[in-house]
Amino acid sequence: MTMPFRGPPHLPRLGKLPPKIDSRTLRLSRYVAHLPAPPAAVDHFARVAIWPMFLNDVYGICGPAGAAHQIQSWSTYAERGTTTLPDVAVKDAYFRITGGSDTGVYIIDMLKYWNHYGIGLDFIEAYAQLQSGSRDEHSLAMYYFGSVGIGLALPDVGTFGPWDRVYGAPNQHNGHYVCGVGYDADGLWVVTWGELVRMSWEFLAKYNDESWAIFNDLSLLEATMRSPESFDRAQLEADLFLLSDPITPPGDLPPTPGPGCLARLVGKGWLW
């Protein structure tokens, strides 16, 4: 059950920088074009008891905070128990990505960091961009991959909600990243600032400027029947062989592959 939007207990912070273009970015449509249509409604949130703020009332940390919310949903619905990262792990990732400044993050830089170094102990295997505002692609991503990372250019009116209606023009200086964890005919459920919030499809279409499907342990997705046989995993693996990473994430940790199945399948050094 979604809660009424009441706003965070302290002043909320934004923190997503405008989308950064990389011509080599993978597109979700390349891998799921032949998937069956997702069901009319999906719930990947009801079993999570608490969604922490993850310091998003102190720093512009919405990117790593949204990632931490995705980790909560994934771990819960994979029957592993809910994994809730400590604030310090989310904060550490944020300041490593930004080089130590509270400037907000480019989401693609965060995804590359998450793949290389992990956020907490969680590594992702790959990521693919969705068509902005697409109801079909957001529904596919939430159903088949558990959640979706949604970037928003929020309006000056209604910036902090409610998000069930359309306001004025998008403002790229009001950038924010949220975790989409469910949907039905009327809209989505997203997590932000420690709350489960309702978002209409019209709001998404108006203010969504980037979204990402996160491939987190595809062997797990198969085991839980959320990655059907028609998912073009072979194409994904072939594409990953051809990619190189133009950005070296900050920090002094050596780049090592994550523990998921793609890292084992493709081999050491598959994405750098």
Protein backbone atom coordinates (compact mmCIF):
# COMPACT_ATOMS: atom_id res chain seq x y z
CA MET A 1 0.00 0.00 0.00
CA THR A 2 1.39 3.40 -0.92
CA MET A 3 1.62 6.05 1.75
CA PRO A 4 0.38 9.63 1.28
CA PHE A 5 3.22 11.94 0.30
CA ARG A 6 4.11 13.91 3.42
CA GLY A 7 7.63 14.98 2.53
CA PRO A 8 10.82 14.11 4.38
CA PRO A 9 11.30 15.22 7.99
CA HIS A 10 14.10 17.59 6.98
CA LEU A 11 14.72 19.71 3.91
CA PRO A 12 14.95 17.33 0.94
CA ARG A 13 17.89 17.45 -1.42
CA LEU A 14 18.07 16.83 -5.13
CA GLY A 15 21.40 15.97 -6.78
CA LYS A 16 21.09 14.47 -10.26
CA LEU A 17 23.12 16.32 -12.86
CA PRO A 18 21.77 16.60 -16.45
CA PRO A 19 22.04 13.43 -18.58
CA LYS A 20 25.50 12.79 -19.96
CA ILE A 21 25.59 11.48 -23.51
CA ASP A 22 27.69 8.44 -24.40
CA SER A 23 27.10 7.14 -27.92
CA ARG A 24 28.04 3.61 -26.83
CA THR A 25 25.30 3.38 -24.21
CA LEU A 26 23.31 0.14 -24.45
CA ARG A 27 19.58 0.49 -25.13
CA LEU A 28 17.03 -1.72 -23.39
CA SER A 29 15.02 -2.23 -26.58
CA ARG A 30 17.96 -4.13 -28.10
CA TYR A 31 17.61 -6.95 -25.54
CA VAL A 32 13.90 -7.17 -24.74
CA ALA A 33 12.27 -6.56 -28.12
CA HIS A 34 10.74 -10.06 -28.20
CA LEU A 35 9.70 -10.36 -24.56
CA PRO A 36 6.06 -11.10 -23.73
CA ALA A 37 4.14 -8.08 -22.48
CA PRO A 38 4.47 -7.53 -18.73
CA PRO A 39 1.42 -7.96 -16.50
CA ALA A 40 -1.00 -5.13 -15.82
CA ALA A 41 0.46 -4.49 -12.36
CA VAL A 42 3.72 -5.29 -10.56
CA ASP A 43 4.61 -4.92 -6.87
CA HIS A 44 8.27 -5.07 -5.85
CA PHE A 45 7.83 -2.90 -2.77
CA ALA A 46 5.18 -4.19 -0.33
CA ARG A 47 7.51 -6.60 1.46
CA VAL A 48 10.11 -3.92 2.23
CA ALA A 49 9.25 -2.55 5.66
CA ILE A 50 11.42 0.60 5.76
CA TRP A 51 13.02 2.71 3.05
CA PRO A 52 15.78 4.81 4.66
CA MET A 53 16.60 8.40 3.74
CA PHE A 54 20.27 7.45 3.14
CA LEU A 55 21.34 11.04 4.01
CA ASN A 56 19.43 12.58 1.09
CA ASP A 57 18.29 15.34 3.44
CA VAL A 58 21.95 16.25 4.09
CA TYR A 59 23.69 15.75 0.72
CA GLY A 60 22.74 15.73 -2.95
CA ILE A 61 23.14 11.97 -2.76
CA CYS A 62 19.96 10.91 -4.56
CA GLY A 63 21.87 8.78 -7.11
CA PRO A 64 23.56 6.38 -4.67
CA ALA A 65 20.50 6.57 -2.37
CA GLY A 66 18.30 5.40 -5.24
CA ALA A 67 20.76 2.60 -5.94
CA ALA A 68 20.57 1.55 -2.29
CA HIS A 69 16.77 1.44 -2.53
CA GLN A 70 17.07 -0.79 -5.61
CA ILE A 71 19.35 -3.11 -3.64
CA GLN A 72 16.68 -3.33 -0.92
CA SER A 73 14.02 -4.34 -3.42
CA TRP A 74 16.23 -6.83 -5.29
CA SER A 75 17.41 -8.61 -2.18
CA THR A 76 13.92 -8.85 -0.70
CA TYR A 77 12.23 -10.27 -3.79
CA ALA A 78 15.12 -12.67 -4.47
CA GLU A 79 14.33 -14.29 -1.10
CA ARG A 80 17.70 -13.26 0.32
CA GLY A 81 16.32 -11.11 3.08
CA THR A 82 16.28 -7.34 2.78
CA THR A 83 19.78 -5.88 2.38
CA THR A 84 19.84 -2.34 3.72
CA LEU A 85 23.17 -0.59 3.27
CA PRO A 86 24.52 1.55 6.10
CA ASP A 87 24.49 5.29 5.46
CA VAL A 88 28.29 5.35 5.48
CA ALA A 89 28.47 2.95 2.50
CA VAL A 90 26.11 5.14 0.45
CA LYS A 91 27.96 8.30 1.48
CA ASP A 92 31.35 6.76 0.68
CA ALA A 93 30.21 5.80 -2.83
CA TYR A 94 28.79 9.28 -3.41
CA PHE A 95 31.95 11.15 -2.51
CA ARG A 96 34.14 8.73 -4.44
CA ILE A 97 32.04 9.32 -7.54
CA THR A 98 32.14 13.11 -7.14
CA GLY A 99 35.80 13.28 -6.14
CA GLY A 100 34.93 14.52 -2.65
CA SER A 101 32.53 17.36 -3.45
CA ASP A 102 28.79 17.57 -2.72
CA THR A 103 27.95 18.38 -6.33
CA GLY A 104 25.44 15.68 -7.26
CA VAL A 105 26.22 12.95 -9.79
CA TYR A 106 25.89 12.16 -13.45
CA ILE A 107 23.90 8.93 -13.35
CA ILE A 108 25.99 7.21 -16.02
CA ASP A 109 29.11 7.91 -13.92
CA MET A 110 27.37 6.35 -10.90
CA LEU A 111 26.44 3.25 -12.92
CA LYS A 112 30.02 2.81 -14.11
CA TYR A 113 31.25 3.17 -10.53
CA TRP A 114 28.64 0.67 -9.30
CA ASN A 115 29.86 -1.82 -11.91
CA HIS A 116 33.57 -1.29 -11.20
CA TYR A 117 33.74 -0.86 -7.44
CA GLY A 118 30.30 -1.69 -6.10
CA ILE A 119 28.04 0.29 -3.80
CA GLY A 120 28.36 -1.34 -0.42
CA LEU A 121 29.07 -4.93 -1.41
CA ASP A 122 26.66 -4.88 -4.35
CA PHE A 123 27.97 -4.96 -7.93
CA ILE A 124 25.99 -4.64 -11.12
CA GLU A 125 26.83 -6.43 -14.33
CA ALA A 126 25.51 -4.04 -16.96
CA TYR A 127 22.97 -1.30 -17.55
CA ALA A 128 20.84 -0.19 -20.48
CA GLN A 129 19.05 3.08 -21.10
CA LEU A 130 15.29 3.27 -21.57
CA GLN A 131 13.38 5.56 -23.86
CA SER A 132 12.53 8.53 -21.69
CA GLY A 133 8.88 8.64 -20.64
CA SER A 134 8.08 5.25 -22.20
CA ARG A 135 5.40 3.45 -20.20
CA ASP A 136 6.10 0.18 -22.01
CA GLU A 137 9.86 0.16 -21.37
CA HIS A 138 9.51 1.22 -17.72
CA SER A 139 6.96 -1.54 -17.16
CA LEU A 140 9.25 -4.10 -18.82
CA ALA A 141 12.22 -3.03 -16.73
CA MET A 142 10.33 -3.20 -13.43
CA TYR A 143 8.83 -6.59 -14.22
CA TYR A 144 11.82 -8.39 -15.71
CA PHE A 145 14.64 -6.74 -13.77
CA GLY A 146 12.95 -5.93 -10.47
CA SER A 147 13.21 -2.14 -10.52
CA VAL A 148 14.20 0.80 -12.68
CA GLY A 149 16.38 3.84 -12.03
CA ILE A 150 14.44 6.96 -13.00
CA GLY A 151 16.02 10.35 -13.60
CA LEU A 152 13.80 13.42 -13.43
CA ALA A 153 14.04 17.08 -14.38
CA LEU A 154 11.45 18.31 -11.90
CA PRO A 155 9.31 21.44 -12.29
CA ASP A 156 9.71 24.50 -10.08
CA VAL A 157 6.14 23.99 -8.79
CA GLY A 158 5.45 20.58 -7.26
CA THR A 159 9.16 19.80 -7.11
CA PHE A 160 8.77 17.73 -3.97
CA GLY A 161 5.33 16.35 -4.75
CA PRO A 162 2.72 15.23 -5.08
CA TRP A 163 3.80 13.63 -8.36
CA ASP A 164 0.36 12.43 -9.46
CA ARG A 165 -0.25 15.45 -11.71
CA VAL A 166 1.62 17.52 -14.30
CA TYR A 167 2.84 21.00 -13.40
CA GLY A 168 5.00 23.44 -15.39
CA ALA A 169 8.01 22.91 -17.61
CA PRO A 170 10.84 20.55 -16.63
CA ASN A 171 13.88 22.24 -15.10
CA GLN A 172 17.23 20.46 -15.57
CA HIS A 173 18.53 22.25 -12.48
CA ASN A 174 15.96 20.28 -10.43
CA GLY A 175 17.52 16.92 -11.26
CA HIS A 176 16.58 13.95 -9.09
CA TYR A 177 17.00 10.15 -9.21
CA VAL A 178 14.40 7.74 -7.80
CA CYS A 179 13.88 3.99 -7.70
CA GLY A 180 10.81 2.63 -9.53
CA VAL A 181 9.55 -0.53 -7.81
CA GLY A 182 6.04 -1.11 -9.13
CA TYR A 183 3.25 0.05 -11.39
CA ASP A 184 -0.38 -0.36 -12.40
CA ALA A 185 -2.71 1.20 -14.96
CA ASP A 186 -2.66 4.60 -13.26
CA GLY A 187 1.03 5.06 -12.59
CA LEU A 188 4.17 3.96 -10.79
CA TRP A 189 5.37 3.56 -7.24
CA VAL A 190 8.77 5.08 -6.66
CA VAL A 191 11.00 5.37 -3.61
CA THR A 192 12.62 8.67 -2.67
CA TRP A 193 13.57 10.51 0.51
CA GLY A 194 12.69 7.50 2.62
CA GLU A 195 9.12 7.18 1.31
CA LEU A 196 7.09 5.14 -1.15
CA VAL A 197 5.53 7.73 -3.47
CA ARG A 198 2.88 7.58 -6.18
CA MET A 199 3.80 8.91 -9.65
CA SER A 200 1.38 9.16 -12.56
CA TRP A 201 2.34 7.99 -16.04
CA GLU A 202 1.67 11.55 -17.22
CA PHE A 203 4.19 12.91 -14.72
CA LEU A 204 6.77 10.38 -15.91
CA ALA A 205 6.18 11.31 -19.56
CA LYS A 206 6.62 15.01 -18.78
CA TYR A 207 9.62 15.04 -16.45
CA ASN A 208 11.62 11.87 -17.11
CA ASP A 209 14.90 12.79 -18.84
CA GLU A 210 16.77 9.46 -18.40
CA SER A 211 16.04 5.99 -17.02
CA TRP A 212 18.10 2.85 -16.64
CA ALA A 213 17.48 -0.89 -16.46
CA ILE A 214 20.08 -2.37 -14.14
CA PHE A 215 21.31 -5.90 -14.81
CA ASN A 216 22.13 -7.22 -11.35
CA ASP A 217 23.11 -10.92 -11.29
CA LEU A 218 21.30 -12.36 -14.27
CA SER A 219 21.66 -15.88 -12.92
CA LEU A 220 19.54 -14.80 -9.96
CA LEU A 221 16.94 -13.30 -12.28
CA GLU A 222 16.71 -16.58 -14.15
CA ALA A 223 16.38 -18.55 -10.93
CA THR A 224 13.48 -16.38 -9.80
CA MET A 225 11.76 -16.63 -13.21
CA ARG A 226 12.05 -12.90 -13.93
CA SER A 227 14.35 -13.34 -16.92
CA PRO A 228 12.53 -15.41 -19.56
CA GLU A 229 14.30 -17.44 -22.22
CA SER A 230 13.58 -14.84 -24.87
CA PHE A 231 15.77 -12.24 -23.12
CA ASP A 232 18.67 -11.68 -25.53
CA ARG A 233 21.44 -12.39 -23.09
CA ALA A 234 23.82 -13.58 -25.82
CA GLN A 235 23.49 -10.22 -27.55
CA LEU A 236 24.22 -8.42 -24.29
CA GLU A 237 27.37 -10.46 -23.72
CA ALA A 238 28.52 -9.83 -27.30
CA ASP A 239 27.94 -6.09 -26.92
CA LEU A 240 29.84 -5.95 -23.64
CA PHE A 241 32.92 -7.40 -25.33
CA LEU A 242 32.99 -4.36 -27.62
CA LEU A 243 32.64 -1.71 -24.92
CA SER A 244 35.38 0.20 -23.16
CA ASP A 245 34.86 2.64 -20.35
CA PRO A 246 35.90 6.24 -21.11
CA ILE A 247 35.70 7.26 -17.45
CA THR A 248 37.94 5.97 -14.69
CA PRO A 249 35.93 6.32 -11.49
CA PRO A 250 37.70 8.27 -8.73
CA GLY A 251 39.21 6.62 -5.70
CA ASP A 252 42.16 4.41 -4.99
CA LEU A 253 40.46 1.02 -5.21
CA PRO A 254 41.71 -1.26 -7.99
CA PRO A 255 39.05 -2.04 -10.63
CA THR A 256 37.85 -5.61 -10.23
CA PRO A 257 34.90 -7.37 -11.83
CA GLY A 258 31.78 -7.88 -9.78
CA PRO A 259 30.81 -11.31 -8.47
CA GLY A 260 27.75 -11.81 -10.68
CA CYS A 261 27.30 -14.37 -13.40
CA LEU A 262 28.16 -12.13 -16.36
CA ALA A 263 31.52 -11.28 -14.85
CA ARG A 264 32.24 -15.00 -14.55
CA LEU A 265 30.93 -15.78 -18.03
CA VAL A 266 32.64 -13.02 -19.94
CA GLY A 267 35.83 -13.22 -17.92
CA LYS A 268 38.16 -10.91 -16.08
CA GLY A 269 38.40 -7.43 -17.49
CA TRP A 270 35.23 -7.69 -19.60
CA LEU A 271 34.16 -4.05 -19.24
CA TRP A 272 37.44 -2.15 -19.05
